[in-house]
């Protein structure tokens, strides 16, 4: 499996696990639905900018897309937003919120491993 196929498999699995449609993701990314399909099928290389926006929306780190054995069970679905008629502006807000939460959790983890000062 090549890199584009690995990324595509992970993009598809995450989108489905979180309950988004290709149309919703495409509207959020401001691209057409067919491009989302191409990325998910591994037929095209997803640009870094697109992967960054998708990582924010899905609540994962960008490097997670490159994992051949990516475990969906590790995804925190507490941050999953499921709704009918969700708008691209709603997805933008969701992505911003998830990015804040991911950054907070990263900082918390780093501080927990920081040596104590005397």
C-alpha atoms as a PDB file:
ATOM      1  CA  UNK A   1       0.000   0.000   0.000  1.00  0.00           C
ATOM      2  CA  UNK A   2       1.473   3.380  -0.963  1.00  0.00           C
ATOM      3  CA  UNK A   3       1.399   6.520   1.189  1.00  0.00           C
ATOM      4  CA  UNK A   4      -1.605   8.077  -0.568  1.00  0.00           C
ATOM      5  CA  UNK A   5      -3.590   4.860  -0.041  1.00  0.00           C
ATOM      6  CA  UNK A   6      -2.666   4.732   3.665  1.00  0.00           C
ATOM      7  CA  UNK A   7      -3.682   8.359   4.138  1.00  0.00           C
ATOM      8  CA  UNK A   8      -6.872   7.787   2.153  1.00  0.00           C
ATOM      9  CA  UNK A   9      -7.848   4.740   4.207  1.00  0.00           C
ATOM     10  CA  UNK A  10      -7.388   6.749   7.422  1.00  0.00           C
ATOM     11  CA  UNK A  11      -9.275   9.779   6.081  1.00  0.00           C
ATOM     12  CA  UNK A  12     -12.207   7.598   5.072  1.00  0.00           C
ATOM     13  CA  UNK A  13     -12.280   5.691   8.358  1.00  0.00           C
ATOM     14  CA  UNK A  14     -12.160   8.871  10.444  1.00  0.00           C
ATOM     15  CA  UNK A  15     -14.829  10.642   8.418  1.00  0.00           C
ATOM     16  CA  UNK A  16     -17.160   7.669   8.689  1.00  0.00           C
ATOM     17  CA  UNK A  17     -16.469   7.130  12.399  1.00  0.00           C
ATOM     18  CA  UNK A  18     -17.311  10.765  13.105  1.00  0.00           C
ATOM     19  CA  UNK A  19     -20.452  10.658  10.961  1.00  0.00           C
ATOM     20  CA  UNK A  20     -19.544  13.298   8.379  1.00  0.00           C
ATOM     21  CA  UNK A  21     -20.503  13.013   4.720  1.00  0.00           C
ATOM     22  CA  UNK A  22     -18.104  13.723   1.881  1.00  0.00           C
ATOM     23  CA  UNK A  23     -20.305  16.687   0.978  1.00  0.00           C
ATOM     24  CA  UNK A  24     -19.952  18.184   4.460  1.00  0.00           C
ATOM     25  CA  UNK A  25     -16.188  17.724   4.508  1.00  0.00           C
ATOM     26  CA  UNK A  26     -15.877  19.135   0.981  1.00  0.00           C
ATOM     27  CA  UNK A  27     -17.904  22.229   1.901  1.00  0.00           C
ATOM     28  CA  UNK A  28     -15.731  22.745   5.008  1.00  0.00           C
ATOM     29  CA  UNK A  29     -12.553  22.391   2.922  1.00  0.00           C
ATOM     30  CA  UNK A  30     -14.012  24.553   0.130  1.00  0.00           C
ATOM     31  CA  UNK A  31     -13.357  21.893  -2.491  1.00  0.00           C
ATOM     32  CA  UNK A  32     -15.689  19.653  -4.467  1.00  0.00           C
ATOM     33  CA  UNK A  33     -16.891  16.298  -3.164  1.00  0.00           C
ATOM     34  CA  UNK A  34     -15.020  14.419  -5.874  1.00  0.00           C
ATOM     35  CA  UNK A  35     -11.689  15.694  -4.500  1.00  0.00           C
ATOM     36  CA  UNK A  36     -12.548  14.304  -1.062  1.00  0.00           C
ATOM     37  CA  UNK A  37     -13.311  10.978  -2.746  1.00  0.00           C
ATOM     38  CA  UNK A  38      -9.990  11.036  -4.626  1.00  0.00           C
ATOM     39  CA  UNK A  39      -8.083  11.649  -1.376  1.00  0.00           C
ATOM     40  CA  UNK A  40      -9.989   8.921   0.482  1.00  0.00           C
ATOM     41  CA  UNK A  41      -9.418   6.413  -2.320  1.00  0.00           C
ATOM     42  CA  UNK A  42      -5.712   7.264  -2.459  1.00  0.00           C
ATOM     43  CA  UNK A  43      -6.017   8.343  -6.090  1.00  0.00           C
ATOM     44  CA  UNK A  44      -4.579  11.806  -5.380  1.00  0.00           C
ATOM     45  CA  UNK A  45      -2.098  13.202  -2.922  1.00  0.00           C
ATOM     46  CA  UNK A  46      -3.855  15.420  -0.390  1.00  0.00           C
ATOM     47  CA  UNK A  47      -2.085  18.769  -0.014  1.00  0.00           C
ATOM     48  CA  UNK A  48      -0.641  19.587   3.399  1.00  0.00           C
ATOM     49  CA  UNK A  49      -3.125  22.432   3.836  1.00  0.00           C
ATOM     50  CA  UNK A  50      -6.031  20.021   3.301  1.00  0.00           C
ATOM     51  CA  UNK A  51      -4.564  17.445   5.704  1.00  0.00           C
ATOM     52  CA  UNK A  52      -4.080  20.135   8.335  1.00  0.00           C
ATOM     53  CA  UNK A  53      -7.702  21.262   8.088  1.00  0.00           C
ATOM     54  CA  UNK A  54      -8.936  17.657   8.157  1.00  0.00           C
ATOM     55  CA  UNK A  55      -6.800  16.913  11.225  1.00  0.00           C
ATOM     56  CA  UNK A  56      -8.410  19.834  13.027  1.00  0.00           C
ATOM     57  CA  UNK A  57     -11.896  18.711  12.019  1.00  0.00           C
ATOM     58  CA  UNK A  58     -11.291  15.078  12.976  1.00  0.00           C
ATOM     59  CA  UNK A  59      -9.477  15.942  16.210  1.00  0.00           C
ATOM     60  CA  UNK A  60      -6.257  14.088  15.375  1.00  0.00           C
ATOM     61  CA  UNK A  61      -2.658  15.029  14.664  1.00  0.00           C
ATOM     62  CA  UNK A  62      -1.645  15.205  11.011  1.00  0.00           C
ATOM     63  CA  UNK A  63       0.944  12.464  11.437  1.00  0.00           C
ATOM     64  CA  UNK A  64      -1.889  10.082  12.403  1.00  0.00           C
ATOM     65  CA  UNK A  65      -2.966  10.042   8.751  1.00  0.00           C
ATOM     66  CA  UNK A  66       0.346   8.385   7.821  1.00  0.00           C
ATOM     67  CA  UNK A  67      -0.029   5.461  10.268  1.00  0.00           C
ATOM     68  CA  UNK A  68      -0.491   2.160   8.475  1.00  0.00           C
ATOM     69  CA  UNK A  69      -2.020   0.558  11.577  1.00  0.00           C
ATOM     70  CA  UNK A  70      -3.974   3.553  12.790  1.00  0.00           C
ATOM     71  CA  UNK A  71      -6.291   2.521  15.617  1.00  0.00           C
ATOM     72  CA  UNK A  72      -9.643   4.281  15.420  1.00  0.00           C
ATOM     73  CA  UNK A  73     -10.442   3.054  18.899  1.00  0.00           C
ATOM     74  CA  UNK A  74      -8.008   5.639  20.244  1.00  0.00           C
ATOM     75  CA  UNK A  75     -10.041   8.520  18.809  1.00  0.00           C
ATOM     76  CA  UNK A  76     -11.809  10.445  21.535  1.00  0.00           C
ATOM     77  CA  UNK A  77     -15.413  10.470  20.377  1.00  0.00           C
ATOM     78  CA  UNK A  78     -16.284  12.808  23.208  1.00  0.00           C
ATOM     79  CA  UNK A  79     -15.330  15.448  20.659  1.00  0.00           C
ATOM     80  CA  UNK A  80     -17.583  13.991  17.964  1.00  0.00           C
ATOM     81  CA  UNK A  81     -20.339  16.255  16.751  1.00  0.00           C
ATOM     82  CA  UNK A  82     -23.181  14.527  14.986  1.00  0.00           C
ATOM     83  CA  UNK A  83     -25.953  16.596  13.508  1.00  0.00           C
ATOM     84  CA  UNK A  84     -28.137  16.727  10.467  1.00  0.00           C
ATOM     85  CA  UNK A  85     -27.915  19.835   8.309  1.00  0.00           C
ATOM     86  CA  UNK A  86     -24.510  20.819   9.642  1.00  0.00           C
ATOM     87  CA  UNK A  87     -23.092  23.819   7.808  1.00  0.00           C
ATOM     88  CA  UNK A  88     -19.493  24.473   6.718  1.00  0.00           C
ATOM     89  CA  UNK A  89     -19.337  27.352   9.212  1.00  0.00           C
ATOM     90  CA  UNK A  90     -20.359  24.911  11.950  1.00  0.00           C
ATOM     91  CA  UNK A  91     -17.576  22.562  10.878  1.00  0.00           C
ATOM     92  CA  UNK A  92     -15.110  25.455  10.994  1.00  0.00           C
ATOM     93  CA  UNK A  93     -16.083  26.152  14.606  1.00  0.00           C
ATOM     94  CA  UNK A  94     -15.901  22.457  15.499  1.00  0.00           C
ATOM     95  CA  UNK A  95     -12.421  22.216  13.980  1.00  0.00           C
ATOM     96  CA  UNK A  96     -11.232  25.275  15.904  1.00  0.00           C
ATOM     97  CA  UNK A  97     -12.596  23.834  19.147  1.00  0.00           C
ATOM     98  CA  UNK A  98     -10.944  20.457  18.554  1.00  0.00           C
ATOM     99  CA  UNK A  99      -7.641  22.166  17.789  1.00  0.00           C
ATOM    100  CA  UNK A 100      -7.814  24.046  21.103  1.00  0.00           C
ATOM    101  CA  UNK A 101      -8.586  20.831  22.976  1.00  0.00           C
ATOM    102  CA  UNK A 102      -5.729  18.960  21.251  1.00  0.00           C
ATOM    103  CA  UNK A 103      -3.302  21.763  22.081  1.00  0.00           C
ATOM    104  CA  UNK A 104      -4.478  21.813  25.697  1.00  0.00           C
ATOM    105  CA  UNK A 105      -4.050  18.050  26.030  1.00  0.00           C
ATOM    106  CA  UNK A 106      -0.570  18.247  24.489  1.00  0.00           C
ATOM    107  CA  UNK A 107       0.473  21.007  26.900  1.00  0.00           C
ATOM    108  CA  UNK A 108      -0.986  19.102  29.843  1.00  0.00           C
ATOM    109  CA  UNK A 109       0.950  16.004  28.848  1.00  0.00           C
ATOM    110  CA  UNK A 110       4.185  17.950  28.467  1.00  0.00           C
ATOM    111  CA  UNK A 111       3.749  19.623  31.846  1.00  0.00           C
ATOM    112  CA  UNK A 112       3.040  16.288  33.516  1.00  0.00           C
ATOM    113  CA  UNK A 113       6.409  15.014  32.291  1.00  0.00           C
ATOM    114  CA  UNK A 114       8.327  18.152  33.255  1.00  0.00           C
ATOM    115  CA  UNK A 115      10.859  17.572  36.060  1.00  0.00           C
ATOM    116  CA  UNK A 116      10.029  19.292  39.343  1.00  0.00           C
ATOM    117  CA  UNK A 117      12.145  22.286  40.280  1.00  0.00           C
ATOM    118  CA  UNK A 118      13.747  22.739  43.658  1.00  0.00           C
END
